[in-house]
Protein backbone atom coordinates (compact mmCIF):
# COMPACT_ATOMS: atom_id res chain seq x y z
CA MET A 1 -18.04 -9.45 -8.00
CA HIS A 2 -19.21 -8.56 -11.00
CA ILE A 3 -17.36 -6.10 -13.29
CA ALA A 4 -17.30 -4.76 -16.41
CA PHE A 5 -14.82 -2.83 -18.14
CA VAL A 6 -15.76 -0.51 -20.55
CA THR A 7 -12.85 0.79 -23.08
CA PRO A 8 -13.45 1.42 -26.88
CA ARG A 9 -9.88 -0.49 -27.94
CA TYR A 10 -8.08 -3.52 -26.09
CA GLY A 11 -5.82 -5.76 -26.06
CA GLN A 12 -1.96 -6.74 -25.87
CA ALA A 13 -1.92 -5.49 -29.84
CA ILE A 14 -3.13 -1.91 -28.91
CA VAL A 15 -0.56 0.77 -27.55
CA GLY A 16 -1.64 3.29 -25.18
CA GLY A 17 -1.81 4.40 -21.47
CA ALA A 18 -5.18 3.88 -20.57
CA GLU A 19 -6.05 0.69 -23.02
CA ALA A 20 -2.91 -1.27 -21.07
CA ALA A 21 -3.92 -0.25 -17.57
CA VAL A 22 -7.48 -1.42 -17.98
CA ARG A 23 -5.85 -5.03 -20.04
CA SER A 24 -3.38 -4.68 -16.27
CA TYR A 25 -6.67 -4.37 -13.89
CA ALA A 26 -9.15 -6.32 -15.81
CA THR A 27 -6.76 -8.94 -15.91
CA ARG A 28 -5.37 -9.04 -12.84
CA ILE A 29 -8.49 -8.58 -10.90
CA ALA A 30 -10.25 -11.17 -12.46
CA LEU A 31 -7.05 -13.15 -10.95
CA LYS A 32 -8.08 -12.52 -7.46
CA GLY A 33 -11.15 -14.39 -8.59
CA HIS A 34 -14.25 -11.56 -10.18
CA LYS A 35 -15.79 -12.27 -13.04
CA VAL A 36 -14.36 -9.74 -15.00
CA GLU A 37 -15.77 -8.76 -18.62
CA VAL A 38 -14.87 -5.94 -20.94
CA ILE A 39 -17.09 -3.92 -23.51
CA THR A 40 -15.11 -2.36 -26.74
CA SER A 41 -14.43 -2.19 -29.55
CA THR A 42 -13.58 -4.17 -32.99
CA SER A 43 -11.34 -1.54 -34.30
CA THR A 44 -7.12 -1.23 -33.72
CA THR A 45 -7.04 2.49 -34.28
CA LEU A 46 -8.36 5.85 -33.49
CA GLU A 47 -10.39 5.77 -36.90
CA TRP A 48 -12.60 2.51 -35.59
CA ASP A 49 -11.55 0.96 -38.51
CA ASP A 50 -13.42 -2.62 -38.12
CA THR A 51 -10.55 -4.76 -38.49
CA ILE A 52 -10.80 -7.69 -35.39
CA PRO A 53 -14.08 -9.88 -35.55
CA ALA A 54 -16.57 -8.86 -33.74
CA THR A 55 -16.97 -11.77 -30.97
CA THR A 56 -16.76 -13.01 -27.14
CA SER A 57 -14.08 -14.17 -26.43
CA LEU A 58 -12.10 -15.83 -23.01
CA GLU A 59 -8.17 -13.49 -22.71
CA ASP A 60 -6.67 -14.16 -19.55
CA GLY A 61 -9.18 -14.77 -17.62
CA VAL A 62 -10.63 -11.89 -18.51
CA ILE A 63 -14.33 -12.07 -20.99
CA VAL A 64 -13.93 -9.73 -23.97
CA HIS A 65 -17.03 -8.56 -26.19
CA ARG A 66 -16.32 -6.47 -29.15
CA LEU A 67 -18.91 -4.84 -30.60
CA PRO A 68 -18.78 -2.72 -34.46
CA PRO A 69 -18.77 0.39 -34.56
CA LEU A 70 -21.57 1.69 -36.46
CA HIS A 71 -19.70 3.87 -38.51
CA PRO A 72 -15.52 5.25 -38.95
CA ARG A 73 -14.18 8.81 -37.06
CA LEU A 74 -15.43 11.90 -39.39
CA PRO A 75 -12.31 12.38 -42.37
CA HIS A 76 -10.10 15.14 -41.15
CA PHE A 77 -12.65 15.21 -37.52
CA SER A 78 -10.05 17.30 -35.77
CA ALA A 79 -10.13 19.89 -38.71
CA SER A 80 -13.64 19.58 -38.75
CA TYR A 81 -14.04 20.14 -34.62
CA ALA A 82 -10.88 22.42 -34.50
CA LYS A 83 -12.61 25.21 -32.87
CA ALA A 84 -14.17 23.72 -30.00
CA LEU A 85 -10.77 21.02 -28.92
CA ALA A 86 -8.87 23.90 -28.84
CA THR A 87 -11.72 25.94 -26.43
CA GLY A 88 -13.94 23.80 -25.03
CA ARG A 89 -17.10 24.81 -26.69
CA PHE A 90 -19.95 23.87 -28.89
CA TYR A 91 -22.46 26.54 -30.44
CA ASP A 92 -25.52 24.14 -29.25
CA ARG A 93 -26.40 20.93 -27.34
CA GLY A 94 -26.95 19.60 -31.23
CA THR A 95 -22.69 20.58 -32.58
CA ALA A 96 -21.73 18.66 -28.96
CA ASP A 97 -23.28 16.15 -29.20
CA GLN A 98 -23.10 15.31 -32.95
CA PHE A 99 -19.04 16.02 -31.92
CA LEU A 100 -19.64 12.40 -29.76
CA LEU A 101 -21.12 10.74 -32.66
CA ASP A 102 -18.54 12.00 -35.38
CA GLN A 103 -15.34 11.11 -33.41
CA GLY A 104 -17.19 7.93 -32.02
CA PRO A 105 -16.99 4.81 -31.25
CA VAL A 106 -20.54 4.36 -31.62
CA LEU A 107 -21.13 0.57 -31.12
CA SER A 108 -23.69 -2.18 -32.33
CA GLY A 109 -25.82 -3.19 -29.34
CA PHE A 110 -23.51 -1.40 -26.67
CA ALA A 111 -26.84 -0.77 -24.36
CA GLU A 112 -28.57 -4.30 -25.16
CA LEU A 113 -25.24 -5.72 -24.07
CA LEU A 114 -24.88 -4.41 -20.69
CA ASP A 115 -28.44 -5.12 -19.71
CA ARG A 116 -27.67 -8.72 -20.62
CA LEU A 117 -24.65 -8.49 -18.76
CA ASN A 118 -25.99 -6.93 -15.46
CA PRO A 119 -23.02 -6.27 -14.01
CA ASP A 120 -22.31 -5.28 -10.12
CA ARG A 121 -20.24 -1.63 -11.46
CA VAL A 122 -19.54 -1.08 -14.98
CA VAL A 123 -15.25 0.71 -14.84
CA SER A 124 -15.98 3.49 -17.87
CA TYR A 125 -11.67 4.02 -18.50
CA PRO A 126 -10.83 6.74 -20.40
CA LEU A 127 -13.71 9.27 -20.10
CA LEU A 128 -13.89 10.66 -23.97
CA TYR A 129 -15.40 8.71 -25.56
CA TRP A 130 -19.05 7.37 -26.78
CA PRO A 131 -19.19 4.57 -24.66
CA ASN A 132 -18.14 5.54 -21.31
CA LEU A 133 -20.45 7.99 -21.64
CA GLN A 134 -23.33 6.26 -22.71
CA ALA A 135 -21.86 3.50 -19.79
CA LEU A 136 -22.57 6.20 -16.99
CA ILE A 137 -25.96 6.79 -18.08
CA TRP A 138 -26.66 3.00 -18.16
CA ASN A 139 -26.45 2.95 -14.45
CA PRO A 140 -25.19 6.06 -12.17
CA ARG A 141 -25.00 3.67 -8.99
CA ARG A 142 -23.20 1.32 -10.30
CA SER A 143 -20.12 3.27 -12.31
CA VAL A 144 -16.35 3.99 -11.55
CA LEU A 145 -15.14 6.30 -13.87
CA HIS A 146 -11.41 6.48 -14.62
CA PRO A 147 -10.62 9.71 -16.62
CA ALA A 148 -7.01 8.97 -17.51
CA ALA A 149 -7.31 13.01 -18.26
CA HIS A 150 -4.47 15.12 -19.68
CA PRO A 151 -4.55 19.13 -20.32
CA GLU A 152 -7.13 19.03 -22.93
CA ALA A 153 -9.86 22.03 -23.09
CA ILE A 154 -12.22 20.00 -24.61
CA LEU A 155 -12.93 18.55 -20.71
CA SER A 156 -14.31 21.81 -20.24
CA SER A 157 -17.46 21.56 -22.47
CA SER A 158 -20.81 20.30 -21.15
CA ILE A 159 -20.32 16.70 -22.62
CA TYR A 160 -18.43 16.15 -20.13
CA SER A 161 -19.10 18.41 -16.98
CA ASP A 162 -22.38 17.50 -17.16
CA ALA A 163 -21.70 14.09 -17.16
CA VAL A 164 -18.83 12.82 -14.73
CA PRO A 165 -21.38 13.75 -12.29
CA LEU A 166 -23.09 10.29 -12.30
CA ALA A 167 -20.30 8.56 -11.43
CA ARG A 168 -20.55 7.20 -8.30
CA ARG A 169 -16.80 7.05 -7.92
CA ILE A 170 -14.09 8.35 -9.81
CA VAL A 171 -10.53 7.06 -9.76
CA PHE A 172 -7.85 9.24 -10.48
CA GLN A 173 -4.75 7.38 -10.90
CA THR A 174 -2.13 10.33 -10.17
CA LYS A 175 -2.01 13.07 -8.01
CA ALA A 176 -1.61 15.71 -10.66
CA GLU A 177 -4.65 14.62 -12.77
CA GLN A 178 -6.51 15.18 -9.40
CA GLU A 179 -5.60 18.67 -9.43
CA LEU A 180 -6.46 19.18 -13.03
CA LEU A 181 -9.29 17.65 -12.67
CA ASN A 182 -10.07 19.92 -9.15
CA VAL A 183 -9.25 23.26 -12.30
CA VAL A 184 -11.41 21.97 -14.61
CA TRP A 185 -14.66 20.86 -12.98
CA LEU A 186 -14.46 22.17 -9.58
CA GLU A 187 -18.20 21.90 -9.24
CA VAL A 188 -17.89 18.61 -9.85
CA VAL A 189 -15.16 17.30 -8.33
CA GLU A 190 -15.33 18.83 -4.81
CA CYS A 191 -17.90 17.73 -2.54
CA PRO A 192 -21.86 19.70 -3.69
CA ARG A 193 -22.77 22.87 -2.46
CA VAL A 194 -26.16 24.07 -1.36
CA ASN A 195 -26.35 28.08 -1.35
CA GLY A 196 -22.63 28.11 -1.38
CA ARG A 197 -21.79 25.99 1.07
CA LEU A 198 -19.61 22.90 0.24
CA VAL A 199 -22.23 19.50 2.43
CA GLU A 200 -20.81 16.06 2.49
CA ASP A 201 -22.24 13.24 0.16
CA ARG A 202 -21.27 9.89 2.22
CA ASN A 203 -22.31 8.16 -1.71
CA ARG A 204 -19.59 9.77 -3.33
CA PHE A 205 -15.97 10.20 -3.45
CA VAL A 206 -12.70 11.02 -4.99
CA VAL A 207 -9.73 8.20 -4.51
CA HIS A 208 -6.58 7.52 -5.87
CA ALA A 209 -5.28 4.08 -7.97
CA LEU A 210 -2.28 2.98 -7.09
CA SER A 211 -2.05 -0.15 -6.55
CA LEU A 212 -4.13 -4.05 -6.93
CA ASP A 213 -2.95 -4.93 -3.98
CA GLU A 214 -3.17 -3.23 -1.11
CA PRO A 215 -5.65 -1.06 -0.46
CA LEU A 216 -5.55 3.00 -0.48
CA PHE A 217 -5.41 5.30 1.95
CA ARG A 218 -4.95 8.56 1.18
CA ARG A 219 -6.19 11.85 2.37
CA GLN A 220 -8.28 13.76 0.37
CA ASP A 221 -7.81 17.78 0.64
CA ARG A 222 -10.71 18.99 -1.00
CA TYR A 223 -12.72 16.32 0.66
CA ARG A 224 -10.68 16.54 4.25
CA THR A 225 -10.87 13.26 4.82
CA TRP A 226 -9.40 10.28 4.73
CA GLU A 227 -10.75 7.08 2.93
CA VAL A 228 -9.79 2.98 2.04
CA VAL A 229 -11.12 1.31 -0.71
CA ASP A 230 -10.02 -0.93 -3.30
CA ILE A 231 -9.00 -0.32 -6.60
CA ARG A 232 -12.88 -1.60 -7.99
CA GLY A 233 -13.88 1.99 -6.83
CA ARG A 234 -15.57 -0.70 -3.79
CA TYR A 235 -16.18 1.05 -0.44
CA THR A 236 -13.93 -0.68 1.86
CA GLU A 237 -13.85 1.97 5.17
CA ARG A 238 -14.19 5.57 5.86
CA SER A 239 -13.19 7.59 8.76
CA ALA A 240 -15.00 11.41 9.40
CA SER A 241 -15.96 12.22 6.01
CA ARG A 242 -17.35 16.06 6.93
CA CYS A 243 -16.88 17.78 3.47
CA SER A 244 -18.03 21.05 5.14
CA ARG A 245 -15.50 23.63 5.20
């Protein structure tokens, strides 16, 4: 399988839980014989400083593509969007779109690179940033989303609630993360509703990423089903999967 991870920062020098998890998943999946690539920025900080050469390199068996940000993060970004960050609300869609651009990183040549790589799965990790949302849009049927979410009001904004349903697979690191997003995105994480009733969706489900070495076997309470999947979001086995109550 050909898998591309999309993450804003990548490398041993990067400090952060999501960044460390992406690196661990990518290297360990590559060891299993899969072709693994990473699309990331040339930055080492969340100010999107352009400090690492824009190159393609092989790192621990993973092909890493580093693209330069078109601009740094907006100065005083948190202060400029204090109300939105505190409430998850924007005045209009244009302001919401500008939020993503000002937050960054907007990567030069991102869509063209994805078209050229044409991976079987695109794993967005985490959710919050421009490249990760673009990866969901690129080909929803191939998308796997690791939200890596924390309790933040901005998650409830239309930027993210509109994008999350695009993901073919959603992978949570913990049960607590799923419970959080069951509250924030109730109609997204649950099965879809028709005329107010939950209906089955055989093409999409939520999983917990606890191990790379063994399939995952967990009961999804909101889905009322048992599912066995692997870390790549690939379906391996599924039993009775009725969502309707």
